[in-house]
Protein backbone atom coordinates (compact mmCIF):
# COMPACT_ATOMS: atom_id res chain seq x y z
CA MET A 1 24.86 38.41 -272.50
CA LEU A 2 23.28 36.49 -269.58
CA GLN A 3 23.70 32.74 -269.41
CA VAL A 4 22.25 30.59 -266.63
CA SER A 5 23.52 27.02 -266.56
CA ASN A 6 22.41 23.99 -264.53
CA LEU A 7 21.13 26.14 -261.68
CA ASN A 8 19.88 24.29 -258.59
CA VAL A 9 18.55 26.27 -255.64
CA TYR A 10 17.19 25.00 -252.33
CA TYR A 11 15.23 26.52 -249.45
CA GLY A 12 16.60 24.39 -246.64
CA GLU A 13 16.19 20.90 -248.05
CA SER A 14 13.35 21.86 -250.41
CA HIS A 15 14.59 21.71 -254.01
CA ILE A 16 13.13 24.85 -255.65
CA LEU A 17 15.06 25.38 -258.92
CA ARG A 18 15.98 22.24 -260.81
CA SER A 19 18.79 22.29 -263.37
CA VAL A 20 17.66 25.58 -264.92
CA ASP A 21 19.29 26.62 -268.21
CA MET A 22 18.34 29.87 -269.92
CA ALA A 23 19.88 32.80 -271.81
CA VAL A 24 19.09 36.45 -272.47
CA PRO A 25 20.66 37.75 -275.72
CA PRO A 26 21.74 41.40 -276.16
CA GLY A 27 18.97 43.83 -277.08
CA GLN A 28 16.11 41.39 -276.62
CA MET A 29 13.21 40.88 -274.22
CA VAL A 30 12.92 37.42 -272.71
CA CYS A 31 9.80 36.49 -270.74
CA LEU A 32 9.64 33.86 -268.03
CA ILE A 33 6.14 32.39 -267.74
CA GLY A 34 4.49 29.86 -265.45
CA ARG A 35 1.85 29.54 -262.76
CA ASN A 36 2.38 30.91 -259.28
CA GLY A 37 4.84 29.00 -257.12
CA VAL A 38 6.91 27.36 -259.87
CA GLY A 39 10.13 29.23 -259.05
CA LYS A 40 10.14 32.30 -261.31
CA THR A 41 10.83 34.86 -258.56
CA THR A 42 13.37 32.50 -257.00
CA LEU A 43 15.25 32.45 -260.31
CA LEU A 44 15.34 36.24 -260.50
CA LYS A 45 16.50 36.53 -256.88
CA THR A 46 19.26 34.03 -257.57
CA ILE A 47 20.41 35.99 -260.63
CA MET A 48 20.55 39.11 -258.42
CA GLY A 49 22.54 37.35 -255.67
CA LEU A 50 19.75 37.46 -253.08
CA LEU A 51 19.76 33.66 -253.03
CA GLN A 52 22.74 31.36 -253.51
CA PRO A 53 22.58 28.29 -255.77
CA ARG A 54 23.82 24.94 -254.58
CA THR A 55 25.11 24.12 -258.07
CA GLY A 56 25.30 25.81 -261.46
CA ASN A 57 26.59 29.10 -262.84
CA ILE A 58 25.38 32.57 -263.80
CA VAL A 59 27.52 34.31 -266.41
CA PHE A 60 27.06 37.95 -267.42
CA TYR A 61 29.18 39.19 -270.33
CA ASP A 62 31.53 36.19 -270.05
CA ARG A 63 32.09 36.68 -266.32
CA SER A 64 30.67 34.48 -263.54
CA LEU A 65 28.58 36.37 -260.98
CA LEU A 66 28.52 33.64 -258.33
CA LYS A 67 30.96 35.35 -255.99
CA ASP A 68 29.47 38.83 -256.46
CA SER A 69 27.25 40.49 -253.86
CA PRO A 70 23.89 41.94 -254.98
CA ASP A 71 25.24 45.51 -255.04
CA ARG A 72 28.20 44.46 -257.17
CA ARG A 73 25.85 42.71 -259.59
CA ALA A 74 23.85 45.94 -259.83
CA ARG A 75 27.02 47.91 -260.55
CA SER A 76 28.02 45.39 -263.22
CA GLY A 77 24.94 46.48 -265.18
CA ILE A 78 21.87 44.58 -263.95
CA GLY A 79 18.88 46.69 -262.92
CA TYR A 80 16.24 44.94 -260.81
CA VAL A 81 12.62 45.84 -260.15
CA PRO A 82 11.29 43.32 -257.62
CA GLN A 83 7.74 42.12 -257.25
CA GLY A 84 5.93 44.68 -255.11
CA ARG A 85 8.11 47.52 -256.48
CA GLU A 86 9.70 48.47 -253.10
CA VAL A 87 9.36 52.19 -253.61
CA ILE A 88 10.42 54.02 -250.43
CA PRO A 89 7.10 55.46 -249.21
CA ARG A 90 8.43 58.35 -247.11
CA ALA A 91 10.91 59.54 -249.74
CA THR A 92 9.88 61.84 -252.58
CA VAL A 93 9.77 60.72 -256.19
CA ARG A 94 12.95 62.71 -256.80
CA GLU A 95 14.70 61.04 -253.86
CA ASN A 96 13.57 57.60 -254.99
CA LEU A 97 14.94 58.27 -258.47
CA LEU A 98 18.27 59.57 -257.22
CA LEU A 99 18.74 56.40 -255.19
CA GLY A 100 19.06 54.63 -258.53
CA LEU A 101 22.41 56.38 -259.06
CA GLU A 102 23.89 54.08 -256.40
CA ALA A 103 23.90 51.32 -259.00
CA LEU A 104 26.36 53.21 -261.20
CA PRO A 105 29.94 51.96 -261.06
CA LYS A 106 32.17 53.72 -258.55
CA GLY A 107 33.53 56.94 -260.00
CA ARG A 108 30.59 57.41 -262.42
CA GLN A 109 28.00 58.69 -259.97
CA GLY A 110 28.85 62.36 -260.55
CA LYS A 111 26.09 64.96 -260.60
CA LYS A 112 22.79 64.17 -258.91
CA ASP A 113 20.66 64.87 -261.96
CA ILE A 114 17.68 63.03 -263.44
CA PRO A 115 18.16 62.56 -267.21
CA GLU A 116 15.41 63.99 -269.37
CA GLU A 117 14.93 60.64 -271.08
CA ILE A 118 13.47 59.32 -267.83
CA PHE A 119 10.63 61.83 -268.16
CA THR A 120 10.24 61.05 -271.87
CA LEU A 121 9.56 57.44 -270.92
CA PHE A 122 7.42 58.26 -267.87
CA PRO A 123 6.02 61.80 -268.22
CA VAL A 124 3.82 61.51 -265.12
CA LEU A 125 6.89 61.40 -262.88
CA LYS A 126 7.99 64.89 -263.89
CA THR A 127 4.81 66.32 -262.41
CA MET A 128 5.22 64.41 -259.15
CA LEU A 129 8.85 64.94 -258.15
CA SER A 130 7.97 66.42 -254.77
CA ARG A 131 5.29 63.87 -253.89
CA MET A 132 6.00 61.02 -251.49
CA GLY A 133 6.47 57.64 -253.10
CA GLY A 134 3.82 56.12 -250.85
CA ASP A 135 1.22 58.60 -252.12
CA LEU A 136 1.44 57.36 -255.73
CA SER A 137 -0.96 54.86 -257.24
CA GLY A 138 0.22 51.34 -257.94
CA GLY A 139 0.80 52.10 -261.62
CA GLN A 140 2.72 55.29 -260.82
CA GLN A 141 4.86 53.42 -258.30
CA GLN A 142 5.68 50.78 -260.92
CA GLN A 143 6.75 53.48 -263.37
CA LEU A 144 8.88 55.03 -260.61
CA ALA A 145 10.49 51.69 -259.77
CA ILE A 146 11.43 51.04 -263.42
CA ALA A 147 12.72 54.60 -263.81
CA ARG A 148 14.81 54.23 -260.64
CA ALA A 149 16.40 51.05 -262.05
CA LEU A 150 17.17 52.89 -265.31
CA MET A 151 19.02 55.62 -263.40
CA GLY A 152 21.86 53.10 -262.95
CA LYS A 153 22.19 52.74 -266.76
CA PRO A 154 21.85 48.94 -266.76
CA LYS A 155 22.69 46.64 -269.64
CA LEU A 156 20.03 44.19 -268.43
CA LEU A 157 16.73 45.15 -266.81
CA VAL A 158 15.09 42.46 -264.67
CA LEU A 159 11.36 42.96 -264.00
CA ASP A 160 9.32 40.75 -261.69
CA GLU A 161 5.60 40.94 -262.62
CA PRO A 162 5.52 44.68 -263.39
CA THR A 163 1.79 44.65 -264.23
CA GLU A 164 0.59 42.97 -261.04
CA GLY A 165 -2.31 44.90 -259.50
CA ILE A 166 -2.22 47.65 -262.12
CA GLN A 167 -5.16 48.98 -264.15
CA PRO A 168 -5.24 47.98 -267.86
CA SER A 169 -4.52 51.44 -269.29
CA ILE A 170 -1.33 51.77 -267.23
CA ILE A 171 -0.27 48.25 -268.21
CA LEU A 172 -0.26 49.37 -271.85
CA GLU A 173 1.83 52.44 -270.93
CA ILE A 174 4.39 50.28 -269.12
CA GLU A 175 4.52 47.82 -272.03
CA ALA A 176 5.16 50.65 -274.48
CA ALA A 177 7.83 52.19 -272.22
CA VAL A 178 9.71 48.89 -271.92
CA ARG A 179 9.72 48.43 -275.70
CA ARG A 180 10.97 52.02 -276.14
CA ILE A 181 13.72 51.37 -273.58
CA ILE A 182 14.96 48.41 -275.63
CA GLU A 183 14.73 50.26 -278.95
CA ALA A 184 16.36 53.45 -277.67
CA THR A 185 19.14 52.00 -275.51
CA GLY A 186 19.71 48.47 -276.81
CA ILE A 187 19.53 47.02 -273.29
CA SER A 188 18.03 43.59 -272.67
CA VAL A 189 15.00 42.79 -270.52
CA LEU A 190 14.27 39.67 -268.50
CA LEU A 191 10.62 39.72 -267.52
CA VAL A 192 8.40 37.59 -265.30
CA GLU A 193 4.83 38.23 -266.41
CA GLN A 194 1.33 36.71 -266.44
CA HIS A 195 -0.37 39.32 -268.62
CA LEU A 196 -0.63 37.72 -272.07
CA HIS A 197 -0.46 40.93 -274.08
CA PHE A 198 2.80 41.89 -272.33
CA VAL A 199 4.20 38.36 -272.76
CA ARG A 200 3.70 38.68 -276.50
CA GLN A 201 5.85 41.84 -276.57
CA ALA A 202 8.87 39.66 -275.74
CA ASP A 203 11.13 38.11 -278.36
CA TRP A 204 11.53 34.78 -276.56
CA TYR A 205 9.87 32.91 -273.72
CA TYR A 206 10.82 30.25 -271.20
CA ALA A 207 8.06 28.31 -269.41
CA MET A 208 8.63 26.98 -265.92
CA GLN A 209 6.94 24.12 -264.12
CA LYS A 210 7.92 22.57 -260.78
CA GLY A 211 11.18 24.54 -260.67
CA GLY A 212 12.46 23.63 -264.13
CA ILE A 213 12.34 24.98 -267.66
CA VAL A 214 9.93 22.77 -269.60
CA ALA A 215 9.39 24.77 -272.81
CA SER A 216 10.92 27.69 -274.69
CA GLY A 217 10.71 29.39 -278.04
CA ALA A 218 9.91 32.55 -279.97
CA THR A 219 6.84 34.31 -278.58
CA SER A 220 5.60 34.69 -282.15
CA GLU A 221 5.12 30.91 -282.05
CA LEU A 222 3.50 30.81 -278.60
CA SER A 223 0.54 28.44 -279.07
CA GLN A 224 -2.85 28.55 -277.39
CA GLU A 225 -2.08 25.17 -275.86
CA THR A 226 1.09 26.55 -274.24
CA ILE A 227 -0.80 29.61 -273.03
CA GLN A 228 -3.47 27.44 -271.39
CA ARG A 229 -0.84 25.20 -269.85
CA PHE A 230 1.37 27.88 -268.34
CA LEU A 231 -0.65 31.11 -268.08
CA ALA A 232 -4.27 30.16 -267.42
CA VAL A 233 -5.31 30.16 -263.76
């Protein structure tokens, strides 16, 4: 589904991503792990077209994305929830959700309705449709941001540290919702995450260090040594 090959990205003359190779298969969750500052967010931004690689390729369903703008990548079926969520604070929950329809391909945007399955995944949002996005708690904003991305009916959902700054009980709700999304829709998930319990929900992991992929494998085989090396602070 998604194939990243020999990706090299620079900030000015600083070499940030170094010959990155990784893949996300259909219907699976892949987790990108590593300490802060190793290039995880840079990789996600490059996949979304917010940064341009100096070399390498990004292929989504057998088609290179390198010449596509970020909005075109979204319309091709990639939903993105950035670090910090970026909920619009002075728009209501309903308005934030409806903005997600902009990621649908041209001609498919149709009626401005919120599918009931959104509220099945995130019931709290149904009770808050008229509240301002900025008035929600961090956990509620994260649920809103994921729901907004799902409004565009993506084939791949990209999540950058969805549990950052969120209380433990809400983390478990978000984990469960992401697993239900995969099971119910068959979409894939690419996740950057530090929370070990969430990491273990993934099917596969890639570990980053100094801008490169240095380990990968099934999360069922994720050893304590690897956890200490790449997740411990």
